[in-house]
C-alpha atoms as a PDB file:
ATOM      1  CA  MET A   1      35.176 -11.437   9.772  1.00  0.00           C
ATOM      2  CA  LYS A   2      37.780  -9.510   7.808  1.00  0.00           C
ATOM      3  CA  GLY A   3      37.980  -5.789   7.202  1.00  0.00           C
ATOM      4  CA  SER A   4      36.074  -3.023   8.893  1.00  0.00           C
ATOM      5  CA  GLY A   5      35.164  -0.566   6.165  1.00  0.00           C
ATOM      6  CA  ALA A   6      31.541  -1.508   5.573  1.00  0.00           C
ATOM      7  CA  GLY A   7      30.003   0.074   8.633  1.00  0.00           C
ATOM      8  CA  GLY A   8      30.138   3.585   9.985  1.00  0.00           C
ATOM      9  CA  ALA A   9      27.676   6.333  10.659  1.00  0.00           C
ATOM     10  CA  GLY A  10      24.976   7.029   8.125  1.00  0.00           C
ATOM     11  CA  ILE A  11      24.146   3.499   6.993  1.00  0.00           C
ATOM     12  CA  ARG A  12      20.374   3.232   6.697  1.00  0.00           C
ATOM     13  CA  ALA A  13      19.854  -0.030   4.806  1.00  0.00           C
ATOM     14  CA  VAL A  14      21.400  -3.401   4.005  1.00  0.00           C
ATOM     15  CA  LEU A  15      20.824  -5.055   0.644  1.00  0.00           C
ATOM     16  CA  PHE A  16      21.603  -8.717   0.035  1.00  0.00           C
ATOM     17  CA  ASP A  17      22.174 -11.038  -2.865  1.00  0.00           C
ATOM     18  CA  LEU A  18      19.777 -13.995  -2.626  1.00  0.00           C
ATOM     19  CA  ASP A  19      21.288 -17.363  -3.588  1.00  0.00           C
ATOM     20  CA  GLY A  20      24.368 -18.161  -1.567  1.00  0.00           C
ATOM     21  CA  THR A  21      23.887 -15.156   0.702  1.00  0.00           C
ATOM     22  CA  LEU A  22      20.426 -15.451   2.258  1.00  0.00           C
ATOM     23  CA  ILE A  23      19.234 -18.825   0.986  1.00  0.00           C
ATOM     24  CA  ASP A  24      20.858 -22.137   0.142  1.00  0.00           C
ATOM     25  CA  SER A  25      19.223 -23.046  -3.155  1.00  0.00           C
ATOM     26  CA  ALA A  26      22.040 -25.335  -4.321  1.00  0.00           C
ATOM     27  CA  PRO A  27      20.081 -28.552  -3.590  1.00  0.00           C
ATOM     28  CA  ASP A  28      17.204 -27.522  -5.872  1.00  0.00           C
ATOM     29  CA  LEU A  29      19.536 -26.141  -8.549  1.00  0.00           C
ATOM     30  CA  GLY A  30      21.530 -29.359  -8.521  1.00  0.00           C
ATOM     31  CA  HIS A  31      18.374 -31.445  -8.647  1.00  0.00           C
ATOM     32  CA  ALA A  32      17.151 -29.534 -11.699  1.00  0.00           C
ATOM     33  CA  ALA A  33      20.448 -30.300 -13.430  1.00  0.00           C
ATOM     34  CA  ASN A  34      20.331 -33.950 -12.386  1.00  0.00           C
ATOM     35  CA  LEU A  35      16.888 -34.258 -13.951  1.00  0.00           C
ATOM     36  CA  MET A  36      18.540 -33.329 -17.235  1.00  0.00           C
ATOM     37  CA  ARG A  37      21.133 -36.058 -16.774  1.00  0.00           C
ATOM     38  CA  VAL A  38      18.528 -38.679 -15.880  1.00  0.00           C
ATOM     39  CA  ALA A  39      16.496 -37.741 -18.965  1.00  0.00           C
ATOM     40  CA  ARG A  40      19.584 -38.633 -21.032  1.00  0.00           C
ATOM     41  CA  GLY A  41      20.263 -41.934 -19.294  1.00  0.00           C
ATOM     42  CA  LEU A  42      23.090 -40.545 -17.156  1.00  0.00           C
ATOM     43  CA  PRO A  43      23.512 -41.091 -13.407  1.00  0.00           C
ATOM     44  CA  GLU A  44      22.889 -38.256 -10.971  1.00  0.00           C
ATOM     45  CA  LEU A  45      25.864 -36.304  -9.653  1.00  0.00           C
ATOM     46  CA  PRO A  46      26.353 -35.569  -5.933  1.00  0.00           C
ATOM     47  CA  LEU A  47      25.366 -32.136  -4.652  1.00  0.00           C
ATOM     48  CA  ALA A  48      28.979 -31.470  -3.663  1.00  0.00           C
ATOM     49  CA  GLN A  49      29.875 -31.193  -7.348  1.00  0.00           C
ATOM     50  CA  TYR A  50      27.164 -28.638  -8.044  1.00  0.00           C
ATOM     51  CA  ARG A  51      27.457 -26.481  -4.935  1.00  0.00           C
ATOM     52  CA  PRO A  52      30.572 -24.437  -5.851  1.00  0.00           C
ATOM     53  CA  MET A  53      28.890 -23.345  -9.106  1.00  0.00           C
ATOM     54  CA  ALA A  54      25.406 -22.709  -7.716  1.00  0.00           C
ATOM     55  CA  GLY A  55      25.938 -18.962  -7.817  1.00  0.00           C
ATOM     56  CA  ALA A  56      26.368 -19.127 -11.596  1.00  0.00           C
ATOM     57  CA  GLY A  57      22.791 -20.335 -12.145  1.00  0.00           C
ATOM     58  CA  ALA A  58      21.918 -22.213 -15.326  1.00  0.00           C
ATOM     59  CA  ARG A  59      25.348 -21.663 -16.842  1.00  0.00           C
ATOM     60  CA  GLY A  60      27.067 -23.148 -13.810  1.00  0.00           C
ATOM     61  CA  MET A  61      24.707 -26.078 -13.351  1.00  0.00           C
ATOM     62  CA  ILE A  62      24.767 -27.087 -17.013  1.00  0.00           C
ATOM     63  CA  GLY A  63      28.540 -26.759 -17.007  1.00  0.00           C
ATOM     64  CA  VAL A  64      28.802 -29.215 -14.108  1.00  0.00           C
ATOM     65  CA  ALA A  65      26.131 -31.621 -15.347  1.00  0.00           C
ATOM     66  CA  PHE A  66      27.746 -31.945 -18.766  1.00  0.00           C
ATOM     67  CA  ALA A  67      31.341 -31.036 -18.026  1.00  0.00           C
ATOM     68  CA  ASP A  68      32.698 -33.206 -20.837  1.00  0.00           C
ATOM     69  CA  ARG A  69      30.543 -31.685 -23.563  1.00  0.00           C
ATOM     70  CA  GLY A  70      31.622 -28.065 -23.581  1.00  0.00           C
ATOM     71  CA  TYR A  71      28.148 -26.542 -23.225  1.00  0.00           C
ATOM     72  CA  THR A  72      29.237 -22.944 -22.796  1.00  0.00           C
ATOM     73  CA  PRO A  73      26.717 -20.114 -23.341  1.00  0.00           C
ATOM     74  CA  GLU A  74      28.162 -19.765 -26.843  1.00  0.00           C
ATOM     75  CA  HIS A  75      27.375 -23.385 -27.753  1.00  0.00           C
ATOM     76  CA  PRO A  76      24.483 -23.683 -30.256  1.00  0.00           C
ATOM     77  CA  GLU A  77      22.668 -26.159 -27.997  1.00  0.00           C
ATOM     78  CA  PHE A  78      22.986 -24.015 -24.876  1.00  0.00           C
ATOM     79  CA  PRO A  79      19.739 -21.983 -25.240  1.00  0.00           C
ATOM     80  CA  ALA A  80      17.617 -25.149 -25.392  1.00  0.00           C
ATOM     81  CA  LEU A  81      19.496 -26.691 -22.466  1.00  0.00           C
ATOM     82  CA  ARG A  82      19.068 -23.504 -20.458  1.00  0.00           C
ATOM     83  CA  ALA A  83      15.315 -23.457 -21.119  1.00  0.00           C
ATOM     84  CA  GLU A  84      15.066 -27.103 -20.041  1.00  0.00           C
ATOM     85  CA  PHE A  85      17.025 -26.423 -16.873  1.00  0.00           C
ATOM     86  CA  LEU A  86      14.912 -23.396 -15.953  1.00  0.00           C
ATOM     87  CA  ASP A  87      11.677 -25.346 -16.485  1.00  0.00           C
ATOM     88  CA  ASN A  88      13.004 -28.103 -14.224  1.00  0.00           C
ATOM     89  CA  TYR A  89      14.067 -25.593 -11.603  1.00  0.00           C
ATOM     90  CA  GLU A  90      10.734 -23.776 -11.651  1.00  0.00           C
ATOM     91  CA  ARG A  91       8.990 -27.036 -10.751  1.00  0.00           C
ATOM     92  CA  CYS A  92      11.291 -27.923  -7.841  1.00  0.00           C
ATOM     93  CA  MET A  93      12.678 -24.608  -6.561  1.00  0.00           C
ATOM     94  CA  ARG A  94      10.812 -24.696  -3.237  1.00  0.00           C
ATOM     95  CA  GLU A  95      11.415 -28.345  -2.345  1.00  0.00           C
ATOM     96  CA  ARG A  96      14.925 -28.316  -0.875  1.00  0.00           C
ATOM     97  CA  THR A  97      15.900 -24.645  -0.561  1.00  0.00           C
ATOM     98  CA  VAL A  98      16.482 -23.370   2.967  1.00  0.00           C
ATOM     99  CA  ILE A  99      17.499 -20.105   4.608  1.00  0.00           C
ATOM    100  CA  PHE A 100      21.090 -20.035   5.821  1.00  0.00           C
ATOM    101  CA  GLU A 101      21.612 -20.443   9.549  1.00  0.00           C
ATOM    102  CA  GLY A 102      21.759 -17.079  11.298  1.00  0.00           C
ATOM    103  CA  VAL A 103      19.926 -15.128   8.588  1.00  0.00           C
ATOM    104  CA  PRO A 104      16.531 -14.889  10.369  1.00  0.00           C
ATOM    105  CA  GLU A 105      18.230 -13.611  13.510  1.00  0.00           C
ATOM    106  CA  LEU A 106      20.225 -11.139  11.442  1.00  0.00           C
ATOM    107  CA  VAL A 107      17.054  -9.727   9.884  1.00  0.00           C
ATOM    108  CA  VAL A 108      15.457  -9.367  13.318  1.00  0.00           C
ATOM    109  CA  SER A 109      18.528  -7.472  14.534  1.00  0.00           C
ATOM    110  CA  LEU A 110      18.497  -5.170  11.502  1.00  0.00           C
ATOM    111  CA  HIS A 111      14.853  -4.385  12.158  1.00  0.00           C
ATOM    112  CA  GLY A 112      15.642  -3.713  15.807  1.00  0.00           C
ATOM    113  CA  ARG A 113      18.284  -1.204  14.789  1.00  0.00           C
ATOM    114  CA  GLY A 114      15.864   0.600  12.519  1.00  0.00           C
ATOM    115  CA  LEU A 115      17.660  -0.438   9.350  1.00  0.00           C
ATOM    116  CA  ALA A 116      15.784  -1.206   6.150  1.00  0.00           C
ATOM    117  CA  TRP A 117      16.730  -4.307   4.177  1.00  0.00           C
ATOM    118  CA  GLY A 118      16.100  -5.796   0.794  1.00  0.00           C
ATOM    119  CA  VAL A 119      17.198  -8.219  -1.901  1.00  0.00           C
ATOM    120  CA  VAL A 120      18.982  -7.636  -5.192  1.00  0.00           C
ATOM    121  CA  THR A 121      19.446 -10.843  -7.199  1.00  0.00           C
ATOM    122  CA  ASN A 122      20.176 -11.847 -10.770  1.00  0.00           C
ATOM    123  CA  LYS A 123      17.415 -14.443 -10.514  1.00  0.00           C
ATOM    124  CA  PHE A 124      14.539 -13.621 -12.873  1.00  0.00           C
ATOM    125  CA  GLU A 125      11.253 -12.444 -11.358  1.00  0.00           C
ATOM    126  CA  ARG A 126       9.720 -15.687 -12.669  1.00  0.00           C
ATOM    127  CA  PHE A 127      11.618 -17.407  -9.848  1.00  0.00           C
ATOM    128  CA  THR A 128      12.373 -14.658  -7.321  1.00  0.00           C
ATOM    129  CA  LEU A 129       8.803 -13.593  -6.615  1.00  0.00           C
ATOM    130  CA  PRO A 130       7.207 -17.003  -5.959  1.00  0.00           C
ATOM    131  CA  LEU A 131      10.270 -18.226  -4.092  1.00  0.00           C
ATOM    132  CA  THR A 132      10.414 -15.285  -1.694  1.00  0.00           C
ATOM    133  CA  ALA A 133       6.616 -15.190  -1.379  1.00  0.00           C
ATOM    134  CA  GLY A 134       6.770 -18.730  -0.026  1.00  0.00           C
ATOM    135  CA  MET A 135       9.229 -17.845   2.760  1.00  0.00           C
ATOM    136  CA  PRO A 136       8.006 -15.800   5.752  1.00  0.00           C
ATOM    137  CA  LEU A 137      11.450 -14.201   6.085  1.00  0.00           C
ATOM    138  CA  PHE A 138      10.832 -12.006   3.060  1.00  0.00           C
ATOM    139  CA  THR A 139       7.467 -10.575   4.087  1.00  0.00           C
ATOM    140  CA  CYS A 140       9.300  -7.700   5.779  1.00  0.00           C
ATOM    141  CA  ALA A 141      11.808  -7.063   2.976  1.00  0.00           C
ATOM    142  CA  GLN A 142      11.323  -3.491   1.799  1.00  0.00           C
ATOM    143  CA  ALA A 143      12.724  -4.025  -1.690  1.00  0.00           C
ATOM    144  CA  ILE A 144      13.114  -7.118  -3.881  1.00  0.00           C
ATOM    145  CA  VAL A 145      14.833  -6.497  -7.207  1.00  0.00           C
ATOM    146  CA  SER A 146      15.365  -9.322  -9.707  1.00  0.00           C
ATOM    147  CA  GLY A 147      17.734  -9.826 -12.597  1.00  0.00           C
ATOM    148  CA  ASP A 148      15.162  -8.659 -15.123  1.00  0.00           C
ATOM    149  CA  THR A 149      13.642  -5.834 -13.062  1.00  0.00           C
ATOM    150  CA  THR A 150      15.983  -3.364 -14.766  1.00  0.00           C
ATOM    151  CA  PRO A 151      17.461  -3.523 -18.273  1.00  0.00           C
ATOM    152  CA  HIS A 152      20.826  -4.662 -16.898  1.00  0.00           C
ATOM    153  CA  PRO A 153      21.623  -7.374 -14.295  1.00  0.00           C
ATOM    154  CA  LYS A 154      24.636  -7.346 -12.008  1.00  0.00           C
ATOM    155  CA  PRO A 155      27.542  -6.576 -12.336  1.00  0.00           C
ATOM    156  CA  HIS A 156      25.817  -3.485 -13.735  1.00  0.00           C
ATOM    157  CA  PRO A 157      24.815  -1.158 -10.856  1.00  0.00           C
ATOM    158  CA  ALA A 158      21.280  -0.587 -12.197  1.00  0.00           C
ATOM    159  CA  PRO A 159      19.545  -3.201  -9.976  1.00  0.00           C
ATOM    160  CA  LEU A 160      21.203  -1.823  -6.851  1.00  0.00           C
ATOM    161  CA  LEU A 161      20.322   1.734  -7.764  1.00  0.00           C
ATOM    162  CA  GLU A 162      16.722   0.613  -8.303  1.00  0.00           C
ATOM    163  CA  ALA A 163      16.650  -0.981  -4.846  1.00  0.00           C
ATOM    164  CA  ALA A 164      17.964   2.226  -3.277  1.00  0.00           C
ATOM    165  CA  ARG A 165      15.301   4.171  -5.160  1.00  0.00           C
ATOM    166  CA  ARG A 166      12.584   1.892  -3.817  1.00  0.00           C
ATOM    167  CA  LEU A 167      13.924   2.389  -0.304  1.00  0.00           C
ATOM    168  CA  GLY A 168      14.006   6.142  -0.832  1.00  0.00           C
ATOM    169  CA  LEU A 169      17.688   6.285   0.092  1.00  0.00           C
ATOM    170  CA  ALA A 170      20.862   7.511  -1.527  1.00  0.00           C
ATOM    171  CA  PRO A 171      23.077   4.559  -2.536  1.00  0.00           C
ATOM    172  CA  GLN A 172      25.808   5.837  -0.214  1.00  0.00           C
ATOM    173  CA  LEU A 173      23.535   5.028   2.726  1.00  0.00           C
ATOM    174  CA  CYS A 174      23.360   1.350   1.761  1.00  0.00           C
ATOM    175  CA  VAL A 175      25.584  -1.690   2.257  1.00  0.00           C
ATOM    176  CA  TYR A 176      25.449  -4.544  -0.256  1.00  0.00           C
ATOM    177  CA  VAL A 177      26.275  -8.119   0.808  1.00  0.00           C
ATOM    178  CA  GLY A 178      26.952 -10.858  -1.735  1.00  0.00           C
ATOM    179  CA  ASP A 179      28.855 -14.076  -2.352  1.00  0.00           C
ATOM    180  CA  ASP A 180      29.993 -13.428  -5.926  1.00  0.00           C
ATOM    181  CA  GLU A 181      32.496 -11.031  -7.456  1.00  0.00           C
ATOM    182  CA  ARG A 182      29.692  -9.562  -9.586  1.00  0.00           C
ATOM    183  CA  ASP A 183      27.971  -8.470  -6.381  1.00  0.00           C
ATOM    184  CA  ILE A 184      30.984  -6.527  -5.213  1.00  0.00           C
ATOM    185  CA  VAL A 185      31.583  -4.966  -8.635  1.00  0.00           C
ATOM    186  CA  ALA A 186      27.938  -3.867  -8.822  1.00  0.00           C
ATOM    187  CA  GLY A 187      27.908  -2.533  -5.274  1.00  0.00           C
ATOM    188  CA  LYS A 188      31.048  -0.480  -5.752  1.00  0.00           C
ATOM    189  CA  ALA A 189      29.767   0.877  -9.082  1.00  0.00           C
ATOM    190  CA  ALA A 190      26.539   1.924  -7.344  1.00  0.00           C
ATOM    191  CA  GLY A 191      28.488   3.810  -4.676  1.00  0.00           C
ATOM    192  CA  MET A 192      27.554   1.425  -1.865  1.00  0.00           C
ATOM    193  CA  ARG A 193      29.793  -0.115   0.718  1.00  0.00           C
ATOM    194  CA  THR A 194      30.277  -3.814   0.054  1.00  0.00           C
ATOM    195  CA  VAL A 195      30.629  -7.010   2.069  1.00  0.00           C
ATOM    196  CA  ALA A 196      31.705 -10.373   0.666  1.00  0.00           C
ATOM    197  CA  ALA A 197      29.786 -13.335   2.129  1.00  0.00           C
ATOM    198  CA  THR A 198      32.380 -16.098   2.115  1.00  0.00           C
ATOM    199  CA  TYR A 199      30.042 -18.740   3.551  1.00  0.00           C
ATOM    200  CA  GLY A 200      28.074 -19.006   0.296  1.00  0.00           C
ATOM    201  CA  TYR A 201      29.003 -20.755  -2.929  1.00  0.00           C
ATOM    202  CA  LEU A 202      32.639 -19.779  -3.256  1.00  0.00           C
ATOM    203  CA  GLY A 203      34.663 -22.610  -4.695  1.00  0.00           C
ATOM    204  CA  SER A 204      37.990 -23.632  -3.257  1.00  0.00           C
ATOM    205  CA  LYS A 205      39.667 -21.827  -6.169  1.00  0.00           C
ATOM    206  CA  THR A 206      37.957 -18.489  -5.453  1.00  0.00           C
ATOM    207  CA  ASP A 207      39.873 -15.726  -3.691  1.00  0.00           C
ATOM    208  CA  ALA A 208      37.219 -13.351  -2.359  1.00  0.00           C
ATOM    209  CA  ALA A 209      39.930 -11.060  -0.997  1.00  0.00           C
ATOM    210  CA  ALA A 210      40.760 -10.124  -4.590  1.00  0.00           C
ATOM    211  CA  TRP A 211      37.297  -8.666  -5.178  1.00  0.00           C
ATOM    212  CA  GLY A 212      38.063  -5.454  -3.323  1.00  0.00           C
ATOM    213  CA  ALA A 213      35.081  -5.558  -0.958  1.00  0.00           C
ATOM    214  CA  ASP A 214      35.145  -3.263   2.047  1.00  0.00           C
ATOM    215  CA  ALA A 215      34.855  -6.278   4.356  1.00  0.00           C
ATOM    216  CA  ALA A 216      34.162 -10.004   4.392  1.00  0.00           C
ATOM    217  CA  ILE A 217      32.093 -12.190   6.708  1.00  0.00           C
ATOM    218  CA  GLU A 218      32.193 -15.928   7.326  1.00  0.00           C
ATOM    219  CA  HIS A 219      28.743 -16.076   8.971  1.00  0.00           C
ATOM    220  CA  PRO A 220      25.640 -13.898   8.437  1.00  0.00           C
ATOM    221  CA  GLN A 221      25.567 -12.506  11.965  1.00  0.00           C
ATOM    222  CA  GLU A 222      29.137 -11.200  11.671  1.00  0.00           C
ATOM    223  CA  LEU A 223      27.600  -8.400   9.637  1.00  0.00           C
ATOM    224  CA  LEU A 224      26.208  -6.893  12.841  1.00  0.00           C
ATOM    225  CA  ALA A 225      29.679  -6.115  14.174  1.00  0.00           C
ATOM    226  CA  LEU A 226      30.499  -4.266  10.949  1.00  0.00           C
ATOM    227  CA  LEU A 227      27.366  -2.170  11.285  1.00  0.00           C
ATOM    228  CA  ALA A 228      27.952  -1.307  14.936  1.00  0.00           C
END
């Protein structure tokens, strides 16, 4: 754990990013991309190649699956590839995804301290709602905000402000935890204290310390010490 600025008196709720922070969805995301490769007569790639880009969703997975073809979001073929990937992912998204070790215990501890908690993700509701509905962990989440719940996804602060509204709390009473720079940018813009989750999908080339988060954790339960 690094830093100590995310806790303090007055914190009433903890909000989390989803993929790479609470759940490990990289195996299903990678599988959805591999299905695209197989459909084109290409061999599957190992999960290790997909994992560092799992936090970037369709853009990241397509970029890894077809690294030699330059399928950026600006490429004319990208929209069709993205739709194909999302259809694949929708069919397999609950097959291999698991909750990160230590997260269930963390949620129990937050509840025991009287703290509310919720999820703010850039995943569309098309995926967020059925995915979280299928995991008992999320039955006690007091707010689940998706990437298309508000007009703007992260790094815009709108989703975080919507989560705070649903909790009935001022943003300053919330901490936001995420494994991507967009999470920290959004949290700071919303006026929340921020924590970088470095156990998620950070690649070896990513320097989370440069994001300007109030603190960083290397395991979910390290958050408890920050909130003490």
